[in-house]
Amino acid sequence: MKRACLFLLLTTLAATSVQAAEPFFENRVQALRAKNLGLVEEKVPVYHERKLIRKKRHEAVEGYFRIGKRRLYPQIFADLVANGYLRVTYAKRNGRSGSLGTSVATSPAYRTNQTLDLVPTISRVSIYAKGTREDYRSKITASFPGIAAVQLGHGLESLQVGRTRFTLETRFTALAAIALSRSEEVIANDRFRVLTLSSMFADNERFDANAIRYEAPGGEVTTLPLRKTTPRDAYLFPRAVAVGSWIELVKGRGSAWNPDGPTIRIEIKNPGSLQLGVQGFLAPSTDPNDDSLSVWLEWITAPDTIPSGTDQTLEFELIATPPL
């Protein structure tokens, strides 16, 4: 996925036209703005208080929050409602926030013999905000038409200096039998993703993440560092590795690209009945405008065919913190 259009708009516009955009919700602690950022996906109907925001369709909802007694309202998240992605950062003590970096594709994705269906079609988005800091929620109704129904919930759980928490709720219902790819290369590696972290690693000086860290089922913590010599156009693990309760895409120190971007952790609160593992892929591109690094939670025991009527509900927490 090309980052150039999305990244530049999320950063440069934050200092220009964002200030001129009228919030559709605002009080003493937060402001929410519906935006169009030039995404590949089509704009979608976004509702607040059961009303279509500005009687138009939009691509994203951005959240700005006052931290403590300071008058600044830095951007904390971009809820990309047109494709189900979510970008979250953290608040700083000076009243500002870190850059937006790694994003989370919160929808499940599956691979058939023909394609990887990564982004569902979004039909409706409902936004809920009542006034307190931790009450932002979005409910996203989506589908892989004729194949599966998808419900996504993004909710701000807590916000404090140096740490932002979002809850992620996913429901995936198969409307027809889904024949997954039987390629030996992708079995247990990349047949069914329940959640994907989309990031960038160009080299040792330009990255949004330069390490993958995860907890094994027995509690042991393992770190896989990324380096200029890390093989590209290849999976990062020989096989997807079974995980325990969390994975993390680490933003280390020393990057000239968004040096204050966040480290993103995914905590697995409810995996449904699925056995999950971590796998990743580093693309050939070293252009920092490209999403060259993908890391995902894989359903490692997925059957060859997902039966029609399969219904899975999963729950996660997304935690954004400063570089490590």
Protein backbone atom coordinates (compact mmCIF):
# COMPACT_ATOMS: atom_id res chain seq x y z
CA MET A 1 0.00 0.00 0.00
CA LYS A 2 1.40 3.37 -0.99
CA ARG A 3 1.93 5.63 2.00
CA ALA A 4 2.86 8.83 0.14
CA CYS A 5 -0.61 10.27 -0.30
CA LEU A 6 -1.92 9.10 3.05
CA PHE A 7 1.15 9.98 5.12
CA LEU A 8 1.69 13.43 3.69
CA LEU A 9 -1.94 14.35 4.14
CA LEU A 10 -2.01 13.11 7.72
CA THR A 11 1.08 15.14 8.61
CA THR A 12 1.20 18.28 6.50
CA LEU A 13 -2.53 18.91 6.57
CA ALA A 14 -2.50 18.62 10.34
CA ALA A 15 -0.76 21.99 10.41
CA THR A 16 -2.84 23.65 7.70
CA SER A 17 -6.30 22.73 6.49
CA VAL A 18 -7.03 20.59 9.53
CA GLN A 19 -7.17 23.75 11.56
CA ALA A 20 -9.72 25.20 9.15
CA ALA A 21 -11.93 22.07 9.07
CA GLU A 22 -14.99 22.33 11.27
CA PRO A 23 -15.33 19.56 13.87
CA PHE A 24 -18.59 17.63 13.84
CA PHE A 25 -18.14 17.10 17.59
CA GLU A 26 -16.24 19.33 20.01
CA ASN A 27 -16.06 20.10 23.73
CA ARG A 28 -13.39 21.08 26.24
CA VAL A 29 -11.36 17.90 25.88
CA GLN A 30 -11.77 16.65 22.32
CA ALA A 31 -12.57 17.53 18.73
CA LEU A 32 -13.58 15.06 16.01
CA ARG A 33 -13.26 15.88 12.34
CA ALA A 34 -14.51 13.94 9.32
CA LYS A 35 -11.94 14.12 6.55
CA ASN A 36 -11.18 13.05 3.00
CA LEU A 37 -7.51 12.14 2.64
CA GLY A 38 -7.25 10.83 -0.89
CA LEU A 39 -7.45 7.13 -0.03
CA VAL A 40 -7.76 4.51 -2.75
CA GLU A 41 -11.04 3.29 -1.26
CA GLU A 42 -14.34 5.04 -1.91
CA LYS A 43 -15.82 7.47 0.59
CA VAL A 44 -18.40 5.95 2.92
CA PRO A 45 -21.45 7.25 4.83
CA VAL A 46 -20.40 8.25 8.36
CA TYR A 47 -23.12 8.96 10.92
CA HIS A 48 -23.00 10.79 14.24
CA GLU A 49 -26.12 10.97 16.41
CA ARG A 50 -27.91 9.12 13.60
CA LYS A 51 -27.22 11.93 11.15
CA LEU A 52 -25.01 11.75 8.08
CA ILE A 53 -22.08 14.06 8.84
CA ARG A 54 -22.45 17.17 6.67
CA LYS A 55 -24.75 15.13 4.41
CA LYS A 56 -21.64 13.82 2.64
CA ARG A 57 -19.48 10.72 2.55
CA HIS A 58 -16.01 10.65 4.13
CA GLU A 59 -12.87 8.54 4.38
CA ALA A 60 -11.58 9.19 7.90
CA VAL A 61 -12.39 10.48 11.36
CA GLU A 62 -9.55 12.27 13.14
CA GLY A 63 -9.43 12.70 16.90
CA TYR A 64 -7.78 15.68 18.65
CA PHE A 65 -7.52 15.74 22.44
CA ARG A 66 -6.50 18.24 25.07
CA ILE A 67 -3.95 16.79 27.47
CA GLY A 68 -4.02 18.06 31.04
CA LYS A 69 -4.42 21.84 31.40
CA ARG A 70 -2.62 22.77 28.19
CA ARG A 71 -4.60 24.51 25.46
CA LEU A 72 -3.23 22.42 22.60
CA TYR A 73 -5.37 19.74 20.99
CA PRO A 74 -2.87 17.36 19.31
CA GLN A 75 -4.01 14.60 16.99
CA ILE A 76 -4.14 11.22 18.71
CA PHE A 77 -5.69 9.00 16.05
CA ALA A 78 -6.90 8.69 12.49
CA ASP A 79 -9.75 6.20 12.14
CA LEU A 80 -9.64 5.37 8.43
CA VAL A 81 -13.25 4.29 8.21
CA ALA A 82 -13.19 3.82 4.42
CA ASN A 83 -10.95 0.74 4.74
CA GLY A 84 -10.99 -0.31 8.41
CA TYR A 85 -7.44 0.83 9.17
CA LEU A 86 -6.61 2.65 12.40
CA ARG A 87 -3.59 4.84 13.17
CA VAL A 88 -2.93 5.74 16.79
CA THR A 89 -0.19 7.69 18.53
CA TYR A 90 0.54 8.94 22.05
CA ALA A 91 0.40 12.26 23.91
CA LYS A 92 3.55 14.05 25.06
CA ARG A 93 4.12 16.00 28.27
CA ASN A 94 4.50 19.24 26.28
CA GLY A 95 0.88 19.00 25.13
CA ARG A 96 1.75 17.68 21.67
CA SER A 97 1.67 14.16 20.27
CA GLY A 98 3.95 11.74 18.47
CA SER A 99 3.78 11.30 14.72
CA LEU A 100 1.37 8.83 13.18
CA GLY A 101 3.24 5.78 11.93
CA THR A 102 2.31 2.11 11.93
CA SER A 103 -1.32 1.46 11.12
CA VAL A 104 -3.56 -1.49 11.97
CA ALA A 105 -5.79 -3.13 9.37
CA THR A 106 -8.43 -4.29 11.82
CA SER A 107 -10.45 -6.45 9.42
CA PRO A 108 -9.70 -10.13 8.97
CA ALA A 109 -8.29 -11.05 5.56
CA TYR A 110 -8.15 -14.35 3.70
CA ARG A 111 -6.18 -15.72 0.76
CA THR A 112 -7.70 -17.90 -1.96
CA ASN A 113 -5.98 -19.34 -5.01
CA GLN A 114 -6.83 -16.11 -6.81
CA THR A 115 -6.10 -13.26 -4.42
CA LEU A 116 -5.60 -11.92 -0.90
CA ASP A 117 -8.83 -10.18 0.13
CA LEU A 118 -7.40 -7.66 2.59
CA VAL A 119 -9.81 -4.71 2.58
CA PRO A 120 -13.57 -5.27 2.90
CA THR A 121 -16.23 -3.07 1.33
CA ILE A 122 -17.48 -0.60 3.95
CA SER A 123 -21.20 0.16 3.82
CA ARG A 124 -21.85 2.22 6.95
CA VAL A 125 -20.00 3.82 9.87
CA SER A 126 -21.55 5.07 13.12
CA ILE A 127 -19.58 7.34 15.46
CA TYR A 128 -20.39 7.64 19.17
CA ALA A 129 -19.03 10.45 21.35
CA LYS A 130 -20.70 11.94 24.42
CA GLY A 131 -18.14 14.28 25.87
CA THR A 132 -15.70 12.50 28.12
CA ARG A 133 -12.21 11.69 26.93
CA GLU A 134 -12.54 7.91 26.65
CA ASP A 135 -15.91 7.64 24.95
CA TYR A 136 -15.01 7.72 21.23
CA ARG A 137 -16.27 4.66 19.39
CA SER A 138 -16.79 3.74 15.78
CA LYS A 139 -18.93 0.87 14.52
CA ILE A 140 -18.03 -0.19 10.99
CA THR A 141 -20.36 -2.41 8.95
CA ALA A 142 -18.54 -4.10 6.07
CA SER A 143 -18.42 -7.21 3.90
CA PHE A 144 -16.53 -9.19 1.37
CA PRO A 145 -19.59 -9.17 -0.91
CA GLY A 146 -21.30 -12.53 -1.12
CA ILE A 147 -18.51 -14.16 0.90
CA ALA A 148 -18.47 -12.80 4.46
CA ALA A 149 -20.01 -10.16 6.71
CA VAL A 150 -17.67 -8.10 8.91
CA GLN A 151 -18.39 -5.91 11.93
CA LEU A 152 -15.54 -3.79 13.33
CA GLY A 153 -15.54 -1.78 16.55
CA HIS A 154 -12.83 0.79 17.40
CA GLY A 155 -13.05 2.40 20.84
CA LEU A 156 -10.76 4.74 22.75
CA GLU A 157 -10.31 3.07 26.12
CA SER A 158 -7.82 5.37 27.84
CA LEU A 159 -5.55 8.29 27.05
CA GLN A 160 -2.68 9.52 29.18
CA VAL A 161 0.74 11.00 28.58
CA GLY A 162 2.86 8.36 26.87
CA ARG A 163 0.13 5.75 26.36
CA THR A 164 -3.05 5.47 24.31
CA ARG A 165 -5.30 2.41 24.41
CA PHE A 166 -7.95 1.41 21.87
CA THR A 167 -10.23 -1.60 22.03
CA LEU A 168 -10.73 -3.52 18.78
CA GLU A 169 -13.71 -5.80 18.34
CA THR A 170 -14.15 -7.98 15.27
CA ARG A 171 -16.93 -10.26 14.10
CA PHE A 172 -16.44 -12.31 10.95
CA THR A 173 -19.31 -14.37 9.56
CA ALA A 174 -18.87 -16.58 6.49
CA LEU A 175 -21.86 -16.22 4.17
CA ALA A 176 -20.53 -18.90 1.81
CA ALA A 177 -17.88 -21.59 1.94
CA ILE A 178 -14.43 -19.98 1.55
CA ALA A 179 -11.83 -22.17 -0.15
CA LEU A 180 -8.45 -20.98 1.12
CA SER A 181 -5.25 -21.25 -0.86
CA ARG A 182 -3.60 -24.65 -0.69
CA SER A 183 -0.19 -23.38 -1.73
CA GLU A 184 2.41 -24.96 0.54
CA GLU A 185 4.08 -21.57 0.94
CA VAL A 186 1.06 -19.90 2.55
CA ILE A 187 -0.43 -22.73 4.64
CA ALA A 188 -0.07 -21.71 8.30
CA ASN A 189 1.71 -18.55 7.11
CA ASP A 190 -0.67 -16.33 5.20
CA ARG A 191 -4.04 -17.97 4.53
CA PHE A 192 -6.19 -16.18 7.11
CA ARG A 193 -5.08 -13.03 8.92
CA VAL A 194 -7.22 -11.89 11.82
CA LEU A 195 -5.44 -8.52 12.06
CA THR A 196 -2.53 -6.89 10.19
CA LEU A 197 0.03 -4.27 11.23
CA SER A 198 1.06 -2.18 8.23
CA SER A 199 4.34 -0.33 8.65
CA MET A 200 7.63 0.63 7.00
CA PHE A 201 11.26 -0.46 7.23
CA ALA A 202 13.47 1.05 4.52
CA ASP A 203 16.87 0.76 6.23
CA ASN A 204 18.55 1.30 9.59
CA GLU A 205 17.97 5.06 9.43
CA ARG A 206 14.42 5.19 8.02
CA PHE A 207 11.72 3.12 9.63
CA ASP A 208 8.41 3.20 11.46
CA ALA A 209 9.32 -0.11 13.09
CA ASN A 210 12.64 -1.94 13.33
CA ALA A 211 11.81 -4.94 15.49
CA ILE A 212 9.05 -7.47 16.12
CA ARG A 213 8.53 -8.61 19.66
CA TYR A 214 6.06 -11.22 20.86
CA GLU A 215 5.12 -13.41 23.77
CA ALA A 216 5.15 -17.18 23.24
CA PRO A 217 2.32 -19.34 24.69
CA GLY A 218 4.56 -20.23 27.64
CA GLY A 219 5.31 -16.58 28.42
CA GLU A 220 8.80 -16.30 26.91
CA VAL A 221 9.40 -12.98 25.11
CA THR A 222 11.28 -13.02 21.80
CA THR A 223 12.53 -10.08 19.70
CA LEU A 224 13.30 -10.23 15.99
CA PRO A 225 15.34 -7.14 14.99
CA LEU A 226 15.16 -5.81 11.43
CA ARG A 227 18.37 -4.71 9.74
CA LYS A 228 19.52 -3.52 6.35
CA THR A 229 20.66 -7.10 5.73
CA THR A 230 17.26 -8.63 6.53
CA PRO A 231 16.11 -10.55 3.41
CA ARG A 232 13.43 -8.75 1.40
CA ASP A 233 10.56 -10.10 -0.64
CA ALA A 234 10.41 -12.87 1.94
CA TYR A 235 8.58 -14.00 5.06
CA LEU A 236 10.26 -12.97 8.30
CA PHE A 237 9.79 -16.37 9.97
CA PRO A 238 10.26 -19.81 8.37
CA ARG A 239 6.76 -20.61 9.66
CA ALA A 240 4.25 -18.56 11.60
CA VAL A 241 5.17 -18.71 15.28
CA ALA A 242 2.49 -19.48 17.86
CA VAL A 243 1.88 -16.53 20.20
CA GLY A 244 0.57 -16.06 23.70
CA SER A 245 -1.16 -12.85 24.71
CA TRP A 246 0.55 -10.11 22.66
CA ILE A 247 2.70 -9.00 19.73
CA GLU A 248 4.48 -5.68 19.28
CA LEU A 249 5.88 -3.71 16.37
CA VAL A 250 8.72 -1.75 17.97
CA LYS A 251 9.73 1.76 16.95
CA GLY A 252 13.34 2.02 18.09
CA ARG A 253 15.46 5.12 18.49
CA GLY A 254 17.57 6.52 15.68
CA SER A 255 15.14 6.84 12.78
CA ALA A 256 15.33 9.99 10.69
CA TRP A 257 11.76 9.25 9.53
CA ASN A 258 9.15 10.24 12.11
CA PRO A 259 11.62 9.82 15.00
CA ASP A 260 8.83 10.25 17.56
CA GLY A 261 6.45 7.73 15.92
CA PRO A 262 4.81 5.13 18.15
CA THR A 263 5.56 1.57 19.15
CA ILE A 264 2.36 -0.41 18.60
CA ARG A 265 1.36 -3.39 20.74
CA ILE A 266 -1.59 -5.69 20.10
CA GLU A 267 -2.89 -7.53 23.16
CA ILE A 268 -5.06 -10.56 22.41
CA LYS A 269 -8.03 -10.42 24.75
CA ASN A 270 -10.29 -12.96 23.05
CA PRO A 271 -9.00 -15.07 20.12
CA GLY A 272 -12.32 -16.83 19.74
CA SER A 273 -11.63 -20.50 19.05
CA LEU A 274 -8.64 -19.73 16.83
CA GLN A 275 -5.02 -20.70 17.38
CA LEU A 276 -2.98 -17.64 16.44
CA GLY A 277 0.59 -17.12 15.35
CA VAL A 278 2.74 -14.19 14.20
CA GLN A 279 4.14 -13.89 10.69
CA GLY A 280 5.49 -10.99 8.65
CA PHE A 281 6.69 -9.99 5.22
CA LEU A 282 9.30 -7.42 4.17
CA ALA A 283 8.65 -6.11 0.67
CA PRO A 284 11.46 -5.27 -1.80
CA SER A 285 10.79 -1.52 -1.76
CA THR A 286 13.07 0.73 0.30
CA ASP A 287 10.98 3.83 -0.45
CA PRO A 288 9.84 5.17 2.96
CA ASN A 289 6.55 6.21 1.35
CA ASP A 290 5.64 2.54 0.88
CA ASP A 291 4.12 0.18 3.42
CA SER A 292 7.05 -2.21 3.06
CA LEU A 293 6.60 -4.08 6.35
CA SER A 294 3.53 -6.17 7.16
CA VAL A 295 3.14 -8.18 10.37
CA TRP A 296 -0.02 -10.10 11.16
CA LEU A 297 -1.77 -12.51 13.46
CA GLU A 298 -2.36 -15.69 11.44
CA TRP A 299 -4.98 -18.37 12.09
CA ILE A 300 -2.38 -21.10 11.88
CA THR A 301 -4.81 -24.03 12.01
CA ALA A 302 -7.24 -22.65 9.44
CA PRO A 303 -8.95 -25.44 7.45
CA ASP A 304 -8.70 -25.75 3.69
CA THR A 305 -12.31 -24.56 3.48
CA ILE A 306 -14.07 -22.28 5.97
CA PRO A 307 -17.66 -23.57 6.11
CA SER A 308 -20.56 -21.26 5.41
CA GLY A 309 -22.04 -20.04 8.69
CA THR A 310 -18.70 -19.90 10.52
CA ASP A 311 -18.99 -17.06 13.02
CA GLN A 312 -15.98 -15.77 14.96
CA THR A 313 -15.81 -12.89 17.44
CA LEU A 314 -12.39 -11.62 18.49
CA GLU A 315 -11.24 -8.87 20.84
CA PHE A 316 -7.93 -7.01 21.01
CA GLU A 317 -6.36 -3.97 22.60
CA LEU A 318 -4.13 -1.60 20.61
CA ILE A 319 -1.57 0.28 22.71
CA ALA A 320 0.54 3.14 21.34
CA THR A 321 3.62 4.25 23.30
CA PRO A 322 6.81 6.26 22.55
CA PRO A 323 9.83 4.77 20.77
CA LEU A 324 11.80 2.27 22.85
